[in-house]
Amino acid sequence: MSLNEEIEKNLKKLLRTVYESADWRKIAGKRSRFDIFAHKIKAASHQQSISTFMEKLCHSLGLQSIQIDTVLVRRLENERDAVLKAVRKETIYYMLLAVEEVNQ
């Protein structure tokens, strides 16, 4: 199961924004931030909409508010069932897409 290129690009941007906003020193300590982020993504992916997915993901990482492009959220919302299903099934893949450029 994979998403089309445009949707995948939007999802990557959204997840990257959350990843970059998190205070990983505080959250992870000595644990792997990638394991934690993947776990939080998978847990949040069981929501009914992209908005509630983002709320749950941000809340689980201790984020009160972050700057997210609402147009991006709306685009993903139009394909929410496919997006959330893909994130549940291929969590590690989408997490790695989001963080690959951050760590270079």
N, C-alpha and C. Protein backbone atom coordinates (compact mmCIF):
# COMPACT_ATOMS: atom_id res chain seq x y z
N MET A 1 0.85 -1.18 0.00
CA MET A 1 0.00 0.00 0.00
C MET A 1 0.89 1.23 0.00
N SER A 2 0.71 2.05 -0.97
CA SER A 2 1.46 3.30 -0.97
C SER A 2 0.57 4.42 -1.49
N LEU A 3 0.92 5.63 -1.15
CA LEU A 3 0.16 6.80 -1.54
C LEU A 3 0.75 7.39 -2.81
N ASN A 4 -0.02 8.20 -3.50
CA ASN A 4 0.55 8.85 -4.68
C ASN A 4 1.62 9.86 -4.23
N GLU A 5 2.42 10.27 -5.16
CA GLU A 5 3.60 11.09 -4.85
C GLU A 5 3.24 12.41 -4.15
N GLU A 6 2.18 13.05 -4.60
CA GLU A 6 1.78 14.34 -4.01
C GLU A 6 1.32 14.18 -2.57
N ILE A 7 0.49 13.18 -2.31
CA ILE A 7 0.01 12.93 -0.95
C ILE A 7 1.17 12.53 -0.05
N GLU A 8 2.05 11.69 -0.55
CA GLU A 8 3.22 11.27 0.23
C GLU A 8 4.10 12.47 0.59
N LYS A 9 4.28 13.36 -0.34
CA LYS A 9 5.08 14.57 -0.11
C LYS A 9 4.43 15.44 0.98
N ASN A 10 3.12 15.58 0.93
CA ASN A 10 2.39 16.37 1.94
C ASN A 10 2.47 15.72 3.32
N LEU A 11 2.32 14.42 3.36
CA LEU A 11 2.42 13.70 4.64
C LEU A 11 3.81 13.85 5.22
N LYS A 12 4.81 13.74 4.38
CA LYS A 12 6.21 13.89 4.81
C LYS A 12 6.43 15.27 5.43
N LYS A 13 5.92 16.31 4.79
CA LYS A 13 6.05 17.68 5.33
C LYS A 13 5.37 17.81 6.69
N LEU A 14 4.19 17.24 6.79
CA LEU A 14 3.43 17.33 8.03
C LEU A 14 4.16 16.63 9.17
N LEU A 15 4.61 15.41 8.93
CA LEU A 15 5.33 14.67 9.96
C LEU A 15 6.67 15.32 10.30
N ARG A 16 7.34 15.87 9.31
CA ARG A 16 8.62 16.54 9.55
C ARG A 16 8.42 17.76 10.46
N THR A 17 7.34 18.50 10.23
CA THR A 17 7.05 19.66 11.07
C THR A 17 6.89 19.26 12.53
N VAL A 18 6.17 18.17 12.76
CA VAL A 18 5.98 17.68 14.13
C VAL A 18 7.32 17.23 14.70
N TYR A 19 8.07 16.45 13.94
CA TYR A 19 9.36 15.93 14.40
C TYR A 19 10.30 17.07 14.80
N GLU A 20 10.39 18.09 13.95
CA GLU A 20 11.29 19.20 14.21
C GLU A 20 10.83 20.06 15.38
N SER A 21 9.56 20.02 15.71
CA SER A 21 9.02 20.83 16.81
C SER A 21 9.21 20.18 18.17
N ALA A 22 9.39 18.88 18.18
CA ALA A 22 9.50 18.14 19.45
C ALA A 22 10.85 18.39 20.12
N ASP A 23 10.84 18.43 21.45
CA ASP A 23 12.06 18.57 22.23
C ASP A 23 12.57 17.16 22.55
N TRP A 24 13.36 16.62 21.65
CA TRP A 24 13.78 15.21 21.75
C TRP A 24 14.69 14.94 22.94
N ARG A 25 15.45 15.91 23.38
CA ARG A 25 16.30 15.69 24.57
C ARG A 25 15.43 15.42 25.78
N LYS A 26 14.33 16.14 25.86
CA LYS A 26 13.41 15.99 26.98
C LYS A 26 12.57 14.71 26.85
N ILE A 27 12.14 14.40 25.63
CA ILE A 27 11.24 13.27 25.39
C ILE A 27 11.98 11.93 25.44
N ALA A 28 13.09 11.85 24.73
CA ALA A 28 13.72 10.55 24.51
C ALA A 28 14.75 10.17 25.56
N GLY A 29 15.47 11.13 26.08
CA GLY A 29 16.55 10.77 26.99
C GLY A 29 17.55 9.89 26.26
N LYS A 30 17.75 8.68 26.74
CA LYS A 30 18.70 7.76 26.11
C LYS A 30 18.02 6.80 25.13
N ARG A 31 16.70 6.87 25.04
CA ARG A 31 15.97 6.00 24.12
C ARG A 31 16.04 6.56 22.70
N SER A 32 15.74 5.74 21.74
CA SER A 32 15.77 6.16 20.33
C SER A 32 14.58 7.05 20.00
N ARG A 33 14.87 8.25 19.51
CA ARG A 33 13.80 9.16 19.13
C ARG A 33 13.00 8.60 17.96
N PHE A 34 13.63 7.80 17.11
CA PHE A 34 12.92 7.21 15.97
C PHE A 34 11.90 6.18 16.43
N ASP A 35 12.28 5.36 17.39
CA ASP A 35 11.34 4.38 17.94
C ASP A 35 10.15 5.08 18.59
N ILE A 36 10.45 6.11 19.35
CA ILE A 36 9.38 6.85 20.04
C ILE A 36 8.46 7.51 19.02
N PHE A 37 9.04 8.18 18.03
CA PHE A 37 8.23 8.88 17.03
C PHE A 37 7.37 7.90 16.25
N ALA A 38 7.93 6.78 15.84
CA ALA A 38 7.16 5.77 15.11
C ALA A 38 6.00 5.26 15.95
N HIS A 39 6.26 5.00 17.22
CA HIS A 39 5.21 4.52 18.13
C HIS A 39 4.09 5.55 18.26
N LYS A 40 4.45 6.80 18.43
CA LYS A 40 3.46 7.88 18.59
C LYS A 40 2.65 8.07 17.30
N ILE A 41 3.30 7.97 16.16
CA ILE A 41 2.59 8.08 14.87
C ILE A 41 1.57 6.96 14.73
N LYS A 42 2.01 5.74 15.01
CA LYS A 42 1.11 4.58 14.87
C LYS A 42 -0.09 4.71 15.81
N ALA A 43 0.16 5.11 17.05
CA ALA A 43 -0.94 5.27 18.01
C ALA A 43 -1.93 6.33 17.56
N ALA A 44 -1.43 7.43 17.02
CA ALA A 44 -2.30 8.53 16.58
C ALA A 44 -3.04 8.20 15.30
N SER A 45 -2.53 7.28 14.51
CA SER A 45 -3.13 6.98 13.20
C SER A 45 -4.49 6.31 13.28
N HIS A 46 -4.93 5.94 14.45
CA HIS A 46 -6.24 5.31 14.62
C HIS A 46 -7.37 6.32 14.78
N GLN A 47 -7.06 7.58 14.57
CA GLN A 47 -8.07 8.64 14.66
C GLN A 47 -8.93 8.67 13.40
N GLN A 48 -9.99 9.46 13.45
CA GLN A 48 -10.95 9.50 12.34
C GLN A 48 -10.66 10.58 11.30
N SER A 49 -9.76 11.51 11.63
CA SER A 49 -9.44 12.58 10.69
C SER A 49 -7.98 12.98 10.83
N ILE A 50 -7.49 13.71 9.86
CA ILE A 50 -6.11 14.19 9.90
C ILE A 50 -5.95 15.19 11.04
N SER A 51 -6.94 16.02 11.27
CA SER A 51 -6.88 17.00 12.36
C SER A 51 -6.75 16.32 13.72
N THR A 52 -7.57 15.30 13.96
CA THR A 52 -7.47 14.61 15.25
C THR A 52 -6.21 13.77 15.33
N PHE A 53 -5.75 13.25 14.20
CA PHE A 53 -4.46 12.55 14.16
C PHE A 53 -3.35 13.49 14.62
N MET A 54 -3.35 14.71 14.07
CA MET A 54 -2.33 15.69 14.44
C MET A 54 -2.45 16.10 15.90
N GLU A 55 -3.66 16.30 16.37
CA GLU A 55 -3.86 16.67 17.78
C GLU A 55 -3.30 15.59 18.71
N LYS A 56 -3.64 14.34 18.41
CA LYS A 56 -3.18 13.23 19.25
C LYS A 56 -1.66 13.10 19.18
N LEU A 57 -1.08 13.19 17.98
CA LEU A 57 0.36 13.07 17.82
C LEU A 57 1.08 14.19 18.56
N CYS A 58 0.65 15.42 18.37
CA CYS A 58 1.29 16.55 19.04
C CYS A 58 1.15 16.45 20.55
N HIS A 59 -0.03 16.12 21.02
CA HIS A 59 -0.26 15.99 22.46
C HIS A 59 0.64 14.90 23.06
N SER A 60 0.78 13.79 22.37
CA SER A 60 1.60 12.69 22.90
C SER A 60 3.08 13.05 22.98
N LEU A 61 3.49 14.07 22.21
CA LEU A 61 4.88 14.52 22.24
C LEU A 61 5.06 15.78 23.08
N GLY A 62 4.00 16.18 23.77
CA GLY A 62 4.07 17.34 24.65
C GLY A 62 4.08 18.67 23.92
N LEU A 63 3.55 18.69 22.70
CA LEU A 63 3.52 19.92 21.92
C LEU A 63 2.18 20.61 22.11
N GLN A 64 2.23 21.85 22.57
CA GLN A 64 1.00 22.62 22.79
C GLN A 64 0.48 23.20 21.48
N SER A 65 1.38 23.80 20.73
CA SER A 65 0.97 24.38 19.45
C SER A 65 2.18 24.46 18.54
N ILE A 66 1.95 24.14 17.29
CA ILE A 66 3.01 24.25 16.29
C ILE A 66 2.43 24.89 15.05
N GLN A 67 3.29 25.45 14.23
CA GLN A 67 2.86 26.08 13.00
C GLN A 67 2.72 25.01 11.92
N ILE A 68 1.48 24.74 11.53
CA ILE A 68 1.21 23.76 10.49
C ILE A 68 0.41 24.44 9.38
N ASP A 69 0.78 24.17 8.17
CA ASP A 69 0.10 24.70 7.00
C ASP A 69 -1.30 24.06 6.92
N THR A 70 -2.33 24.87 7.11
CA THR A 70 -3.70 24.34 7.10
C THR A 70 -4.11 23.82 5.72
N VAL A 71 -3.54 24.38 4.67
CA VAL A 71 -3.82 23.90 3.32
C VAL A 71 -3.31 22.47 3.18
N LEU A 72 -2.16 22.21 3.75
CA LEU A 72 -1.58 20.87 3.73
C LEU A 72 -2.50 19.88 4.46
N VAL A 73 -3.00 20.28 5.61
CA VAL A 73 -3.91 19.42 6.36
C VAL A 73 -5.18 19.15 5.55
N ARG A 74 -5.72 20.18 4.91
CA ARG A 74 -6.93 20.00 4.09
C ARG A 74 -6.69 19.04 2.93
N ARG A 75 -5.53 19.16 2.29
CA ARG A 75 -5.22 18.24 1.18
C ARG A 75 -5.18 16.80 1.66
N LEU A 76 -4.55 16.59 2.81
CA LEU A 76 -4.48 15.23 3.36
C LEU A 76 -5.85 14.76 3.84
N GLU A 77 -6.65 15.68 4.35
CA GLU A 77 -8.00 15.34 4.82
C GLU A 77 -8.85 14.80 3.68
N ASN A 78 -8.64 15.31 2.48
CA ASN A 78 -9.40 14.82 1.32
C ASN A 78 -9.13 13.35 1.03
N GLU A 79 -7.98 12.86 1.47
CA GLU A 79 -7.60 11.45 1.28
C GLU A 79 -7.38 10.74 2.61
N ARG A 80 -8.07 11.20 3.65
CA ARG A 80 -7.79 10.76 5.03
C ARG A 80 -7.80 9.25 5.22
N ASP A 81 -8.77 8.56 4.65
CA ASP A 81 -8.84 7.11 4.86
C ASP A 81 -7.59 6.42 4.33
N ALA A 82 -7.18 6.78 3.14
CA ALA A 82 -5.97 6.18 2.54
C ALA A 82 -4.72 6.58 3.31
N VAL A 83 -4.65 7.85 3.71
CA VAL A 83 -3.47 8.35 4.43
C VAL A 83 -3.33 7.65 5.78
N LEU A 84 -4.39 7.63 6.54
CA LEU A 84 -4.32 7.02 7.88
C LEU A 84 -4.07 5.52 7.80
N LYS A 85 -4.66 4.86 6.83
CA LYS A 85 -4.42 3.42 6.65
C LYS A 85 -2.96 3.18 6.28
N ALA A 86 -2.42 3.98 5.36
CA ALA A 86 -1.02 3.84 4.96
C ALA A 86 -0.09 4.06 6.14
N VAL A 87 -0.39 5.07 6.94
CA VAL A 87 0.45 5.37 8.12
C VAL A 87 0.40 4.21 9.12
N ARG A 88 -0.77 3.62 9.30
CA ARG A 88 -0.88 2.47 10.22
C ARG A 88 -0.10 1.27 9.70
N LYS A 89 -0.19 1.02 8.40
CA LYS A 89 0.45 -0.18 7.81
C LYS A 89 1.95 -0.01 7.59
N GLU A 90 2.38 1.20 7.26
CA GLU A 90 3.79 1.44 6.91
C GLU A 90 4.37 2.58 7.76
N THR A 91 4.18 2.48 9.05
CA THR A 91 4.59 3.54 9.97
C THR A 91 6.07 3.88 9.85
N ILE A 92 6.91 2.88 9.87
CA ILE A 92 8.36 3.11 9.83
C ILE A 92 8.76 3.81 8.54
N TYR A 93 8.21 3.39 7.43
CA TYR A 93 8.52 3.99 6.14
C TYR A 93 8.22 5.49 6.13
N TYR A 94 7.02 5.86 6.57
CA TYR A 94 6.64 7.27 6.54
C TYR A 94 7.39 8.08 7.59
N MET A 95 7.69 7.47 8.72
CA MET A 95 8.49 8.16 9.73
C MET A 95 9.88 8.44 9.18
N LEU A 96 10.49 7.46 8.53
CA LEU A 96 11.83 7.64 7.97
C LEU A 96 11.84 8.68 6.84
N LEU A 97 10.81 8.69 6.02
CA LEU A 97 10.71 9.73 4.98
C LEU A 97 10.73 11.12 5.60
N ALA A 98 10.01 11.27 6.69
CA ALA A 98 9.89 12.58 7.33
C ALA A 98 11.21 13.04 7.96
N VAL A 99 11.96 12.11 8.51
CA VAL A 99 13.15 12.52 9.27
C VAL A 99 14.46 12.40 8.47
N GLU A 100 14.43 11.81 7.30
CA GLU A 100 15.68 11.57 6.57
C GLU A 100 16.46 12.84 6.28
N GLU A 101 15.80 13.90 5.89
CA GLU A 101 16.49 15.13 5.55
C GLU A 101 16.87 15.94 6.79
N VAL A 102 16.18 15.73 7.88
CA VAL A 102 16.45 16.46 9.12
C VAL A 102 17.80 16.08 9.69
N ASN A 103 18.16 14.81 9.58
CA ASN A 103 19.37 14.29 10.23
C ASN A 103 20.60 14.32 9.34
N GLN A 104 20.53 14.96 8.18
CA GLN A 104 21.69 14.99 7.30
C GLN A 104 22.51 16.23 7.56
